Protein backbone atom coordinates (compact mmCIF):
# COMPACT_ATOMS: atom_id res chain seq x y z
CA MET A 1 0.07 0.09 -0.16
CA ASN A 2 3.13 2.47 0.42
CA GLN A 3 2.65 2.88 -3.57
CA LYS A 4 2.58 6.52 -4.85
CA PHE A 5 0.28 7.99 -7.25
CA ASN A 6 2.21 9.67 -10.44
CA ILE A 7 -0.03 11.89 -12.59
CA GLU A 8 1.59 11.22 -15.13
CA ASN A 9 1.06 7.10 -15.52
CA ASP A 10 -1.93 6.74 -14.58
CA LYS A 11 -3.78 9.39 -16.24
CA ILE A 12 -7.35 8.29 -16.77
CA ASP A 13 -9.01 9.39 -19.98
CA SER A 14 -12.59 10.89 -19.71
CA GLY A 15 -13.39 10.88 -23.21
CA PHE A 16 -13.58 14.35 -24.18
CA SER A 17 -10.73 16.30 -26.18
CA ALA A 18 -10.42 19.41 -27.47
CA PRO A 19 -8.64 20.30 -30.55
CA ASN A 20 -4.94 21.93 -30.94
CA ASN A 21 -4.70 25.35 -30.32
CA TYR A 22 -8.04 25.69 -29.33
CA PHE A 23 -7.88 27.35 -26.33
CA ASN A 24 -5.75 29.74 -27.71
CA GLU A 25 -7.49 30.38 -30.47
CA LEU A 26 -10.97 30.98 -28.28
CA GLU A 27 -10.45 34.54 -27.08
CA VAL A 28 -9.95 35.48 -30.79
CA ALA A 29 -13.13 33.55 -31.70
CA ILE A 30 -14.96 35.41 -28.76
CA GLN A 31 -13.06 38.79 -29.67
CA ASN A 32 -14.56 38.84 -32.95
CA ARG A 33 -17.55 37.98 -31.99
CA ILE A 34 -18.55 40.42 -29.47
CA SER A 35 -17.14 43.01 -31.84
CA GLN A 36 -19.70 42.36 -34.42
CA PRO A 37 -23.05 44.60 -34.16
CA GLN A 38 -25.97 42.01 -33.92
CA LYS A 39 -29.09 43.44 -36.66
CA VAL A 40 -32.39 43.79 -34.76
CA SER A 41 -35.55 44.18 -36.83
CA PHE A 42 -37.41 46.86 -35.76
CA PHE A 43 -39.97 45.16 -34.27
CA ASN A 44 -37.82 42.94 -31.49
CA ARG A 45 -35.87 46.68 -30.89
CA TYR A 46 -39.95 48.49 -29.96
CA LYS A 47 -41.75 45.71 -29.06
CA TYR A 48 -42.77 46.87 -25.15
CA ALA A 49 -43.13 49.89 -26.66
CA LEU A 50 -45.68 49.35 -29.99
CA SER A 51 -47.24 47.04 -27.28
CA GLY A 52 -48.44 49.85 -25.21
CA VAL A 53 -48.83 51.43 -28.66
CA ALA A 54 -51.46 48.88 -30.04
CA THR A 55 -53.02 48.92 -26.31
CA CYS A 56 -53.27 52.50 -26.13
CA ILE A 57 -55.22 52.52 -29.45
CA ILE A 58 -57.54 48.73 -29.33
CA GLY A 59 -58.35 50.93 -25.38
CA LEU A 60 -59.29 53.82 -27.27
CA SER A 61 -61.20 52.94 -30.24
CA LEU A 62 -63.44 51.09 -27.57
CA TRP A 63 -64.21 54.45 -25.47
CA LEU A 64 -64.74 55.95 -28.64
CA LEU A 65 -67.31 53.31 -30.56
CA GLN A 66 -69.23 52.83 -27.32
CA PRO A 67 -72.79 53.93 -27.24
CA GLN A 68 -73.05 56.83 -24.95
CA LYS A 69 -75.52 57.13 -22.31
CA SER A 70 -77.24 60.40 -21.92
CA SER A 71 -77.51 62.25 -18.44
CA THR A 72 -80.18 64.14 -19.51
CA THR A 73 -82.93 62.43 -17.80
CA ILE A 74 -85.09 64.84 -15.18
CA ALA A 75 -86.94 63.02 -12.30
CA PRO A 76 -90.90 63.41 -11.89
CA GLN A 77 -89.52 65.58 -7.99
CA GLN A 78 -86.89 67.87 -9.86
CA THR A 79 -89.04 68.67 -12.52
CA LEU A 80 -91.96 69.97 -9.96
CA ASP A 81 -89.16 72.03 -7.97
CA TYR A 82 -88.40 73.02 -10.84
CA ALA A 83 -91.62 74.43 -11.94
CA MET A 84 -91.95 75.98 -8.29
CA TYR A 85 -88.58 77.78 -8.37
CA ILE A 86 -90.41 79.16 -11.34
CA ASN A 87 -93.33 80.10 -10.60
CA ASP A 88 -91.88 81.28 -7.59
CA ASN A 89 -88.94 83.46 -9.49
CA ILE A 90 -91.41 84.53 -12.96
CA GLU A 91 -90.05 88.43 -12.28
CA GLU A 92 -86.70 87.53 -12.11
CA PHE A 93 -86.25 85.88 -15.54
CA ASP A 94 -86.07 87.52 -19.18
CA GLU A 95 -88.86 87.80 -21.45
CA GLU A 96 -86.99 86.99 -24.39
CA LEU A 97 -85.59 83.87 -23.01
CA ILE A 98 -88.92 82.06 -21.55
CA TYR A 99 -90.02 82.32 -24.69
CA GLU A 100 -87.77 81.05 -26.56
CA SER A 101 -87.49 77.51 -24.65
CA TYR A 102 -91.62 77.19 -24.90
CA ALA A 103 -91.66 78.28 -27.98
CA GLU A 104 -88.03 75.05 -28.55
CA ALA A 105 -90.52 72.34 -26.34
CA SER A 106 -93.67 73.63 -27.80
CA ASN A 107 -91.67 72.19 -31.46
CA THR A 108 -90.72 68.90 -29.64
CA THR A 109 -93.44 68.18 -28.63
CA SER A 110 -95.64 68.84 -31.95
CA ALA A 111 -93.28 67.48 -33.82
CA ARG A 112 -93.53 64.26 -32.05
CA ALA A 113 -98.07 64.44 -31.89
CA ALA A 114 -96.86 65.04 -35.79
CA GLU A 115 -94.86 61.55 -35.69
CA ASP A 116 -97.61 60.20 -33.29
CA GLU A 117 -100.19 60.99 -36.41
CA VAL A 118 -97.76 59.51 -38.73
CA TYR A 119 -98.37 55.98 -37.28
CA SER A 120 -101.50 55.79 -36.64
CA SER A 121 -102.71 56.93 -40.14
CA TYR A 122 -100.62 53.92 -40.78
CA LEU A 123 -102.34 51.72 -38.43
CA ILE A 124 -105.42 52.78 -39.63
CA ASP A 125 -104.90 52.23 -43.51
CA ASN A 126 -103.56 49.17 -42.49
CA ASP A 127 -106.36 47.65 -41.25
CA ILE A 128 -104.13 47.51 -37.83
CA ASP A 129 -105.83 47.24 -34.98
CA GLU A 130 -103.62 47.07 -31.39
CA ASN A 131 -104.28 44.19 -30.00
CA THR A 132 -102.71 42.29 -32.88
CA LEU A 133 -99.74 44.79 -32.92
CA MET A 134 -98.78 43.70 -29.42
CA ASP A 135 -99.16 40.21 -30.49
CA GLU A 136 -96.89 40.66 -33.11
CA LEU A 137 -94.12 42.13 -30.46
């Protein structure tokens, strides 16, 4: 058991081998790869910015294409409060403003009445009664 181990004589073959001068040429090959600029496509360079812009465009278009809800409806109690306020303070209102508002409201009412008259005449001309119309709906 007193044998000395000699590394030169007892080498174990690992199964891997490197070509001659591999490690001498390795540094030069790595330096050549690093020094050459790599071409990066436009989309890879700006892919995060482009995805952000696309998200903003989609969000904006969805918001613009949504039908906007009108918030001009007035509750009956509010209408009564407005009427009472107007009656109590009628002297303070400008007459021209009152006439314009009344004319605008009456035009809307008369337009709706004319539209209702057209529908009524169509139903009468085509001999359609309300029950038949309700059954169809």
